[in-house]
């Protein structure tokens, strides 16, 4: 298996041992990180600090253990602390890979072929802890999640301070409405004593809704249904005396109400049919006007116009000519998809280039001009031309995208995090090209020839 630079994790049976350790780490780190997230009130803080905790436990604890093991007087202390260290999946991964690497190199140097890298004295303990901790952390995460969001937790006095609240005096109209809703059975929709409590970052509960009661009468329910479903004609569809609504045509409305269904009707019986006609006409006009505005806006400015305007404080209505055409193009979802594909291709090319340079002897440039070029055993393969051309192509794409966004939106575009990332890609590609040109320059080649 060609894996340049990591032979210690591949040869002498190390590949299987590394795979087992990595698989165990993947199973254990997910529920472990989810458990850590319960300690934070914001998901961003949880994500960042989880990375910090995993980094500290994976690297610093491994270094601490290594140093303590080198000192004769602290070996016993380190042996006792190892059981605590292994409670962290990051430490098990780092220590297990370290043991696999060192024992693989030693076995190769000494010519030992039957070394067991997953043995109890090598990486076996770390792998065992990972596979044991994975279901334990998963069960704990599920338990904490269920308890934290259970009805018992929601009703507890710690989360809902209903027992500590002093009843507030209600306005007369509020009290009358509450009594009407509680005593009436004619409403289509009723909410009685609705209450909502949120937990704040400080841990103190905040009552957002307190004993809300609301009743939706039959007529109002019918009008609300009509507004939400595209017109009174659709609201009355299927009722006696109504025809299927047509665009620009008023359906036939009965002079008096319509028959009741089981339970509450869609719309109450209304004798004043002119009210329904006015609502239908107003709703149809509003719907047609709004649909036309949305179509014109999307056709003129593209799908991302509102997002760009809100983020960059730019008014696309002022764009004309070439600027408007470019705005439509770079706001199109396909443009961002194309840039994403280019970034993915760039990462693949970087991997190929790193692999080629890892195989090159020390002291050689990309053109295979080496300091010890007189050595007959020296073999060097330069960086392929297609990789160099691809680097220039990626740089051209990044620079073109950055210039387009800067030209269309001006300096305001620098407020966008996406464009900041574009600037980073341009700077990184520029530095990579400059370093490549300097390392392969004629001046450096002459210096290396003199040194040889």
Protein backbone atom coordinates (compact mmCIF):
# COMPACT_ATOMS: atom_id res chain seq x y z
CA UNK A 1 0.00 0.00 0.00
CA UNK A 2 1.72 3.26 -1.09
CA UNK A 3 1.58 5.63 1.89
CA UNK A 4 4.72 7.79 1.78
CA UNK A 5 6.05 9.00 5.11
CA UNK A 6 3.96 6.69 7.32
CA UNK A 7 5.64 3.34 6.85
CA UNK A 8 5.74 2.85 10.62
CA UNK A 9 1.92 2.74 10.64
CA UNK A 10 1.66 0.40 7.65
CA UNK A 11 4.49 -2.13 7.66
CA UNK A 12 5.00 -5.09 10.01
CA UNK A 13 1.29 -5.47 10.72
CA UNK A 14 0.93 -1.88 11.91
CA UNK A 15 -1.79 -1.05 9.39
CA UNK A 16 -4.34 -3.36 11.00
CA UNK A 17 -3.45 -2.14 14.49
CA UNK A 18 -3.77 1.50 13.39
CA UNK A 19 -7.14 0.77 11.79
CA UNK A 20 -8.46 -0.83 14.98
CA UNK A 21 -7.34 2.13 17.11
CA UNK A 22 -8.80 4.71 14.71
CA UNK A 23 -12.12 2.84 14.49
CA UNK A 24 -12.38 2.69 18.27
CA UNK A 25 -11.58 6.38 18.52
CA UNK A 26 -14.36 7.24 16.08
CA UNK A 27 -16.88 5.24 18.10
CA UNK A 28 -15.83 6.79 21.43
CA UNK A 29 -15.18 10.43 20.55
CA UNK A 30 -18.68 11.15 19.18
CA UNK A 31 -20.65 10.40 22.39
CA UNK A 32 -17.82 11.86 24.50
CA UNK A 33 -18.03 15.19 22.66
CA UNK A 34 -21.82 15.12 22.89
CA UNK A 35 -21.54 14.71 26.64
CA UNK A 36 -19.20 17.71 26.82
CA UNK A 37 -21.73 19.82 24.92
CA UNK A 38 -24.16 19.64 27.85
CA UNK A 39 -21.72 21.73 29.90
CA UNK A 40 -22.21 24.74 27.61
CA UNK A 41 -25.22 26.86 26.79
CA UNK A 42 -24.11 27.83 23.26
CA UNK A 43 -23.28 25.36 20.50
CA UNK A 44 -20.38 27.48 19.25
CA UNK A 45 -18.71 27.48 22.66
CA UNK A 46 -19.30 23.75 22.96
CA UNK A 47 -17.69 23.07 19.59
CA UNK A 48 -14.60 25.17 20.22
CA UNK A 49 -13.99 23.99 23.77
CA UNK A 50 -14.61 20.37 22.81
CA UNK A 51 -11.81 20.70 20.26
CA UNK A 52 -9.58 22.25 22.93
CA UNK A 53 -10.35 19.49 25.44
CA UNK A 54 -9.72 16.74 22.90
CA UNK A 55 -6.47 18.41 21.83
CA UNK A 56 -5.22 18.83 25.39
CA UNK A 57 -6.12 15.29 26.41
CA UNK A 58 -4.80 13.79 23.19
CA UNK A 59 -1.44 15.58 23.02
CA UNK A 60 -0.51 17.09 26.37
CA UNK A 61 -1.54 14.08 28.44
CA UNK A 62 0.44 11.82 26.12
CA UNK A 63 3.53 14.05 26.49
CA UNK A 64 3.04 14.17 30.25
CA UNK A 65 2.80 10.41 30.42
CA UNK A 66 5.90 10.01 28.25
CA UNK A 67 7.97 12.39 30.41
CA UNK A 68 6.81 10.81 33.67
CA UNK A 69 7.72 7.40 32.32
CA UNK A 70 11.28 8.55 31.56
CA UNK A 71 11.91 9.62 35.16
CA UNK A 72 12.61 6.67 37.42
CA UNK A 73 10.97 8.20 40.49
CA UNK A 74 7.68 8.95 38.70
CA UNK A 75 7.16 5.69 36.80
CA UNK A 76 4.85 4.27 39.46
CA UNK A 77 2.82 7.47 39.59
CA UNK A 78 2.48 7.43 35.81
CA UNK A 79 1.34 3.80 35.86
CA UNK A 80 -1.45 4.73 38.27
CA UNK A 81 -2.47 7.82 36.31
CA UNK A 82 -2.68 5.87 33.06
CA UNK A 83 -6.04 4.45 34.16
CA UNK A 84 -7.37 8.01 34.46
CA UNK A 85 -5.73 9.17 31.25
CA UNK A 86 -7.43 6.41 29.30
CA UNK A 87 -10.86 7.78 30.19
CA UNK A 88 -10.22 10.35 27.44
CA UNK A 89 -10.51 8.98 23.87
CA UNK A 90 -7.92 11.48 22.63
CA UNK A 91 -5.27 10.08 24.93
CA UNK A 92 -6.06 6.50 23.92
CA UNK A 93 -5.66 7.45 20.26
CA UNK A 94 -2.39 9.35 20.72
CA UNK A 95 -0.81 6.83 23.08
CA UNK A 96 -1.93 3.87 21.00
CA UNK A 97 -0.49 5.30 17.78
CA UNK A 98 2.72 6.22 19.60
CA UNK A 99 3.14 2.64 20.84
CA UNK A 100 2.36 1.23 17.39
CA UNK A 101 4.87 3.55 15.72
CA UNK A 102 7.75 2.95 18.15
CA UNK A 103 7.31 -0.82 18.28
CA UNK A 104 6.95 -1.04 14.49
CA UNK A 105 10.21 0.85 13.98
CA UNK A 106 12.01 -1.21 16.63
CA UNK A 107 10.80 -4.48 15.10
CA UNK A 108 12.03 -3.38 11.68
CA UNK A 109 15.43 -2.33 13.00
CA UNK A 110 15.91 -5.53 15.01
CA UNK A 111 14.41 -7.81 12.39
CA UNK A 112 11.62 -9.09 14.65
CA UNK A 113 8.63 -10.22 12.58
CA UNK A 114 6.17 -11.74 15.06
CA UNK A 115 5.58 -8.69 17.28
CA UNK A 116 1.93 -8.26 18.27
CA UNK A 117 1.13 -4.53 18.10
CA UNK A 118 -2.31 -5.01 19.67
CA UNK A 119 -0.81 -6.85 22.61
CA UNK A 120 -1.59 -5.85 26.18
CA UNK A 121 1.79 -4.18 26.62
CA UNK A 122 1.65 -2.24 23.33
CA UNK A 123 -1.65 -0.72 22.11
CA UNK A 124 -4.04 -3.34 23.42
CA UNK A 125 -5.05 -1.42 26.55
CA UNK A 126 -5.79 1.74 24.59
CA UNK A 127 -7.87 -0.12 21.99
CA UNK A 128 -9.78 -1.99 24.70
CA UNK A 129 -10.60 1.21 26.57
CA UNK A 130 -11.86 2.85 23.37
CA UNK A 131 -14.26 0.03 22.59
CA UNK A 132 -15.42 -0.19 26.22
CA UNK A 133 -15.93 3.55 26.61
CA UNK A 134 -17.88 3.93 23.34
CA UNK A 135 -21.12 2.24 24.56
CA UNK A 136 -20.70 3.70 28.06
CA UNK A 137 -20.41 7.27 26.79
CA UNK A 138 -23.27 6.64 24.36
CA UNK A 139 -25.55 5.42 27.14
CA UNK A 140 -24.60 8.38 29.34
CA UNK A 141 -25.25 10.83 26.50
CA UNK A 142 -28.70 9.36 25.85
CA UNK A 143 -29.49 9.34 29.57
CA UNK A 144 -28.46 12.96 30.08
CA UNK A 145 -30.34 14.03 26.96
CA UNK A 146 -33.53 12.29 28.07
CA UNK A 147 -33.34 13.62 31.62
CA UNK A 148 -32.55 17.17 30.50
CA UNK A 149 -35.55 17.27 28.15
CA UNK A 150 -37.99 15.08 30.05
CA UNK A 151 -41.38 16.41 31.22
CA UNK A 152 -40.21 15.93 34.78
CA UNK A 153 -37.32 18.32 34.18
CA UNK A 154 -39.58 20.80 32.45
CA UNK A 155 -42.05 20.75 35.34
CA UNK A 156 -39.43 20.97 38.05
CA UNK A 157 -39.26 24.14 40.11
CA UNK A 158 -35.61 24.55 39.13
CA UNK A 159 -36.60 25.09 35.49
CA UNK A 160 -40.05 26.63 35.96
CA UNK A 161 -40.35 29.00 38.93
CA UNK A 162 -44.14 28.86 38.97
CA UNK A 163 -44.13 28.23 42.69
CA UNK A 164 -42.10 31.35 43.46
CA UNK A 165 -44.06 33.79 41.30
CA UNK A 166 -46.30 36.45 42.76
CA UNK A 167 -49.62 36.60 40.83
CA UNK A 168 -49.80 39.83 38.84
CA UNK A 169 -52.93 41.92 38.51
CA UNK A 170 -54.63 41.47 35.15
CA UNK A 171 -56.26 44.19 33.12
CA UNK A 172 -60.01 44.08 32.95
CA UNK A 173 -60.13 43.27 29.25
CA UNK A 174 -57.60 40.45 29.70
CA UNK A 175 -59.62 38.94 32.54
CA UNK A 176 -62.84 39.20 30.52
CA UNK A 177 -61.25 37.47 27.53
CA UNK A 178 -59.88 34.71 29.76
CA UNK A 179 -63.32 34.08 31.23
CA UNK A 180 -64.92 34.12 27.78
CA UNK A 181 -62.50 31.56 26.41
CA UNK A 182 -62.78 29.27 29.43
CA UNK A 183 -66.59 29.35 29.48
CA UNK A 184 -67.29 29.28 25.72
CA UNK A 185 -67.55 26.18 23.56
CA UNK A 186 -68.19 28.00 20.29
CA UNK A 187 -64.54 28.69 19.40
CA UNK A 188 -62.85 26.62 16.74
CA UNK A 189 -59.43 26.85 18.44
CA UNK A 190 -58.84 27.38 22.15
CA UNK A 191 -55.63 27.78 24.14
CA UNK A 192 -56.02 27.66 27.91
CA UNK A 193 -53.27 28.57 30.37
CA UNK A 194 -50.41 28.30 27.88
CA UNK A 195 -47.01 28.71 29.51
CA UNK A 196 -43.44 28.67 28.15
CA UNK A 197 -40.20 28.86 30.15
CA UNK A 198 -36.68 29.14 28.68
CA UNK A 199 -33.37 28.39 30.34
CA UNK A 200 -30.90 31.27 30.10
CA UNK A 201 -27.08 30.97 29.83
CA UNK A 202 -26.86 32.05 33.47
CA UNK A 203 -28.99 29.08 34.50
CA UNK A 204 -31.98 31.12 35.67
CA UNK A 205 -35.35 30.27 34.10
CA UNK A 206 -37.08 32.98 32.07
CA UNK A 207 -40.85 32.94 31.69
CA UNK A 208 -41.69 33.97 28.14
CA UNK A 209 -45.43 33.18 28.12
CA UNK A 210 -47.50 33.23 31.31
CA UNK A 211 -50.98 31.74 31.42
CA UNK A 212 -52.02 32.69 27.89
CA UNK A 213 -55.62 31.99 26.91
CA UNK A 214 -56.88 32.58 23.39
CA UNK A 215 -60.00 31.68 21.47
CA UNK A 216 -60.47 31.77 17.70
CA UNK A 217 -64.12 32.33 16.72
CA UNK A 218 -65.66 30.55 13.76
CA UNK A 219 -65.79 33.51 11.38
CA UNK A 220 -62.26 34.60 12.18
CA UNK A 221 -61.06 31.04 11.73
CA UNK A 222 -62.57 30.92 8.27
CA UNK A 223 -60.94 34.17 7.23
CA UNK A 224 -57.59 33.02 8.64
CA UNK A 225 -57.90 29.77 6.72
CA UNK A 226 -58.63 31.71 3.55
CA UNK A 227 -55.61 33.96 3.96
CA UNK A 228 -53.27 31.02 4.49
CA UNK A 229 -54.58 28.91 1.62
CA UNK A 230 -54.65 31.30 -1.29
CA UNK A 231 -58.13 32.87 -1.24
CA UNK A 232 -61.65 32.51 0.04
CA UNK A 233 -62.55 30.33 -2.94
CA UNK A 234 -60.16 27.59 -1.81
CA UNK A 235 -61.29 28.00 1.78
CA UNK A 236 -64.87 27.31 0.71
CA UNK A 237 -63.96 24.54 -1.74
CA UNK A 238 -66.24 21.57 -1.24
CA UNK A 239 -68.95 23.59 0.50
CA UNK A 240 -72.52 23.78 -0.82
CA UNK A 241 -73.12 26.58 -3.29
CA UNK A 242 -69.46 27.26 -4.19
CA UNK A 243 -67.75 26.67 -7.54
CA UNK A 244 -64.05 25.95 -8.08
CA UNK A 245 -62.34 29.39 -7.99
CA UNK A 246 -60.81 30.63 -11.23
CA UNK A 247 -58.15 33.28 -11.81
CA UNK A 248 -59.91 36.64 -12.10
CA UNK A 249 -63.37 35.12 -11.62
CA UNK A 250 -65.62 35.48 -8.61
CA UNK A 251 -67.10 32.16 -7.45
CA UNK A 252 -70.81 31.86 -6.87
CA UNK A 253 -71.60 32.62 -3.26
CA UNK A 254 -74.90 31.56 -1.70
CA UNK A 255 -77.09 34.30 -0.36
CA UNK A 256 -77.26 32.59 2.99
CA UNK A 257 -74.86 30.39 4.88
CA UNK A 258 -73.96 26.81 4.05
CA UNK A 259 -74.66 23.53 5.74
CA UNK A 260 -72.75 22.40 8.80
CA UNK A 261 -70.25 19.55 8.73
CA UNK A 262 -69.61 17.38 11.73
CA UNK A 263 -68.06 19.51 14.45
CA UNK A 264 -67.09 23.05 13.50
CA UNK A 265 -67.44 24.14 9.87
CA UNK A 266 -64.53 25.51 7.88
CA UNK A 267 -66.26 28.90 7.84
CA UNK A 268 -69.18 30.00 9.96
CA UNK A 269 -72.59 30.69 8.51
CA UNK A 270 -72.50 34.32 7.40
CA UNK A 271 -75.54 36.13 6.06
CA UNK A 272 -73.63 39.19 4.85
CA UNK A 273 -72.08 37.62 1.78
CA UNK A 274 -70.68 40.92 0.54
CA UNK A 275 -68.05 40.68 3.32
CA UNK A 276 -66.85 37.39 1.90
CA UNK A 277 -66.76 38.85 -1.59
CA UNK A 278 -64.61 41.78 -0.49
CA UNK A 279 -62.23 39.46 1.36
CA UNK A 280 -61.95 37.20 -1.69
CA UNK A 281 -61.24 40.08 -4.08
CA UNK A 282 -58.69 41.72 -1.77
CA UNK A 283 -56.97 38.41 -1.13
CA UNK A 284 -56.76 37.53 -4.83
CA UNK A 285 -55.37 40.95 -5.76
CA UNK A 286 -52.79 40.79 -2.98
CA UNK A 287 -51.73 37.27 -3.91
CA UNK A 288 -51.33 38.10 -7.62
CA UNK A 289 -49.41 41.30 -6.88
CA UNK A 290 -47.08 39.58 -4.43
CA UNK A 291 -46.40 36.69 -6.81
CA UNK A 292 -45.56 39.11 -9.62
CA UNK A 293 -43.19 41.07 -7.36
CA UNK A 294 -41.36 37.88 -6.32
CA UNK A 295 -41.01 36.68 -9.93
CA UNK A 296 -39.71 40.05 -11.11
CA UNK A 297 -37.28 40.32 -8.20
CA UNK A 298 -35.85 36.83 -8.70
CA UNK A 299 -35.62 37.33 -12.46
CA UNK A 300 -33.82 40.66 -12.08
CA UNK A 301 -31.47 40.02 -9.17
CA UNK A 302 -31.12 36.27 -8.70
CA UNK A 303 -31.83 34.04 -5.73
CA UNK A 304 -29.19 35.39 -3.36
CA UNK A 305 -29.96 39.09 -3.74
CA UNK A 306 -31.72 39.45 -0.41
CA UNK A 307 -28.97 37.57 1.41
CA UNK A 308 -26.23 39.71 -0.14
CA UNK A 309 -28.12 42.92 0.53
CA UNK A 310 -28.56 42.05 4.21
CA UNK A 311 -24.97 40.90 4.74
CA UNK A 312 -23.12 43.57 2.78
CA UNK A 313 -25.47 46.55 3.15
CA UNK A 314 -25.61 46.86 -0.64
CA UNK A 315 -28.75 47.75 -2.59
CA UNK A 316 -28.91 45.58 -5.74
CA UNK A 317 -31.67 47.82 -7.11
CA UNK A 318 -28.97 50.31 -8.09
CA UNK A 319 -27.12 47.78 -10.29
CA UNK A 320 -27.33 48.26 -14.04
CA UNK A 321 -25.63 46.97 -17.16
CA UNK A 322 -22.52 44.86 -16.69
CA UNK A 323 -22.63 45.12 -12.91
CA UNK A 324 -26.16 43.72 -12.83
CA UNK A 325 -25.20 40.85 -15.16
CA UNK A 326 -22.18 39.97 -13.02
CA UNK A 327 -24.32 40.17 -9.89
CA UNK A 328 -26.77 37.65 -11.33
CA UNK A 329 -23.93 35.33 -12.27
CA UNK A 330 -22.02 35.31 -8.98
CA UNK A 331 -25.29 35.11 -7.00
CA UNK A 332 -26.33 31.99 -8.89
CA UNK A 333 -26.08 28.80 -6.84
CA UNK A 334 -24.17 27.09 -9.63
CA UNK A 335 -21.32 29.59 -9.32
CA UNK A 336 -20.74 28.73 -5.65
CA UNK A 337 -21.02 25.03 -6.49
CA UNK A 338 -18.33 25.44 -9.16
CA UNK A 339 -16.01 27.17 -6.68
CA UNK A 340 -16.58 24.35 -4.20
CA UNK A 341 -15.64 21.76 -6.84
CA UNK A 342 -12.48 23.75 -7.64
CA UNK A 343 -11.50 23.83 -3.94
CA UNK A 344 -12.05 20.07 -3.72
CA UNK A 345 -9.90 19.51 -6.80
CA UNK A 346 -7.20 21.76 -5.37
CA UNK A 347 -7.04 19.67 -2.20
CA UNK A 348 -6.62 16.50 -4.30
CA UNK A 349 -3.78 18.08 -6.31
CA UNK A 350 -2.09 19.21 -3.09
CA UNK A 351 -2.18 15.61 -1.90
CA UNK A 352 -0.54 14.38 -5.12
CA UNK A 353 2.11 17.10 -4.95
CA UNK A 354 2.90 16.31 -1.32
CA UNK A 355 3.27 12.63 -2.22
CA UNK A 356 5.68 13.45 -5.07
CA UNK A 357 7.79 15.79 -2.95
CA UNK A 358 7.93 13.24 -0.13
CA UNK A 359 9.59 10.78 -2.53
CA UNK A 360 12.21 13.33 -3.62
CA UNK A 361 15.66 13.12 -1.95
CA UNK A 362 16.63 15.79 0.55
CA UNK A 363 18.35 18.81 -0.95
CA UNK A 364 16.57 18.58 -4.31
CA UNK A 365 14.30 21.19 -5.88
CA UNK A 366 11.18 20.59 -7.91
CA UNK A 367 13.36 20.52 -11.04
CA UNK A 368 15.51 17.75 -9.49
CA UNK A 369 18.60 19.93 -9.12
CA UNK A 370 20.25 18.41 -6.04
CA UNK A 371 23.21 19.36 -3.89
CA UNK A 372 24.74 15.90 -4.15
CA UNK A 373 23.84 15.36 -7.81
CA UNK A 374 27.20 13.66 -8.43
CA UNK A 375 26.00 10.71 -6.33
CA UNK A 376 25.39 7.86 -8.83
CA UNK A 377 22.81 6.21 -6.55
CA UNK A 378 20.67 9.35 -6.43
CA UNK A 379 17.32 9.07 -8.21
CA UNK A 380 14.97 12.02 -8.42
CA UNK A 381 11.60 12.49 -10.06
CA UNK A 382 10.52 16.11 -10.49
CA UNK A 383 7.06 17.54 -9.94
CA UNK A 384 4.91 16.70 -13.00
CA UNK A 385 4.01 19.54 -15.32
CA UNK A 386 0.29 18.97 -14.93
CA UNK A 387 0.51 19.68 -11.19
CA UNK A 388 2.29 22.98 -11.85
CA UNK A 389 -0.29 23.98 -14.47
CA UNK A 390 -3.12 22.97 -12.13
CA UNK A 391 -1.70 25.21 -9.37
CA UNK A 392 -1.70 28.17 -11.76
CA UNK A 393 -5.24 27.31 -12.85
CA UNK A 394 -6.55 27.20 -9.29
CA UNK A 395 -4.84 30.50 -8.54
CA UNK A 396 -6.49 32.08 -11.59
CA UNK A 397 -9.94 30.88 -10.48
CA UNK A 398 -9.52 32.18 -6.91
CA UNK A 399 -8.18 35.53 -8.10
CA UNK A 400 -10.96 35.92 -10.68
CA UNK A 401 -13.68 35.16 -8.13
CA UNK A 402 -12.21 37.63 -5.62
CA UNK A 403 -11.91 40.39 -8.24
CA UNK A 404 -15.48 39.80 -9.45
CA UNK A 405 -16.98 40.07 -5.98
CA UNK A 406 -14.85 43.09 -5.16
CA UNK A 407 -15.78 44.80 -8.42
CA UNK A 408 -19.52 44.20 -8.08
CA UNK A 409 -20.00 44.99 -4.38
CA UNK A 410 -17.01 47.22 -3.64
CA UNK A 411 -15.08 47.23 -0.38
CA UNK A 412 -18.25 46.22 1.49
CA UNK A 413 -17.71 42.69 0.24
CA UNK A 414 -14.79 42.31 2.66
CA UNK A 415 -17.35 42.12 5.48
CA UNK A 416 -18.51 38.77 4.16
CA UNK A 417 -16.86 35.74 5.78
CA UNK A 418 -17.10 33.87 2.46
CA UNK A 419 -15.11 36.58 0.68
CA UNK A 420 -12.58 36.63 3.51
CA UNK A 421 -12.04 32.95 2.82
CA UNK A 422 -11.62 33.80 -0.88
CA UNK A 423 -8.94 36.31 0.10
CA UNK A 424 -7.20 33.66 2.16
CA UNK A 425 -7.18 31.29 -0.82
CA UNK A 426 -5.71 34.01 -3.04
CA UNK A 427 -2.97 34.85 -0.50
CA UNK A 428 -2.13 31.19 0.12
CA UNK A 429 -1.95 30.43 -3.61
CA UNK A 430 0.20 33.51 -4.21
CA UNK A 431 2.68 32.52 -1.50
CA UNK A 432 2.78 28.95 -2.82
CA UNK A 433 3.61 30.15 -6.33
CA UNK A 434 6.24 32.63 -5.07
CA UNK A 435 7.94 29.98 -2.93
CA UNK A 436 7.91 27.58 -5.87
CA UNK A 437 9.45 30.14 -8.20
CA UNK A 438 12.14 31.08 -5.67
CA UNK A 439 13.03 27.46 -4.93
CA UNK A 440 13.36 26.72 -8.65
CA UNK A 441 15.01 30.02 -9.63
CA UNK A 442 18.28 30.08 -11.57
CA UNK A 443 20.01 31.97 -8.76
CA UNK A 444 19.18 29.25 -6.25
CA UNK A 445 20.24 26.59 -8.73
CA UNK A 446 23.66 28.24 -9.13
CA UNK A 447 24.06 28.44 -5.36
CA UNK A 448 23.29 24.73 -5.04
CA UNK A 449 25.75 23.89 -7.82
CA UNK A 450 28.50 25.82 -6.04
CA UNK A 451 27.68 24.05 -2.81
CA UNK A 452 27.87 20.69 -4.55
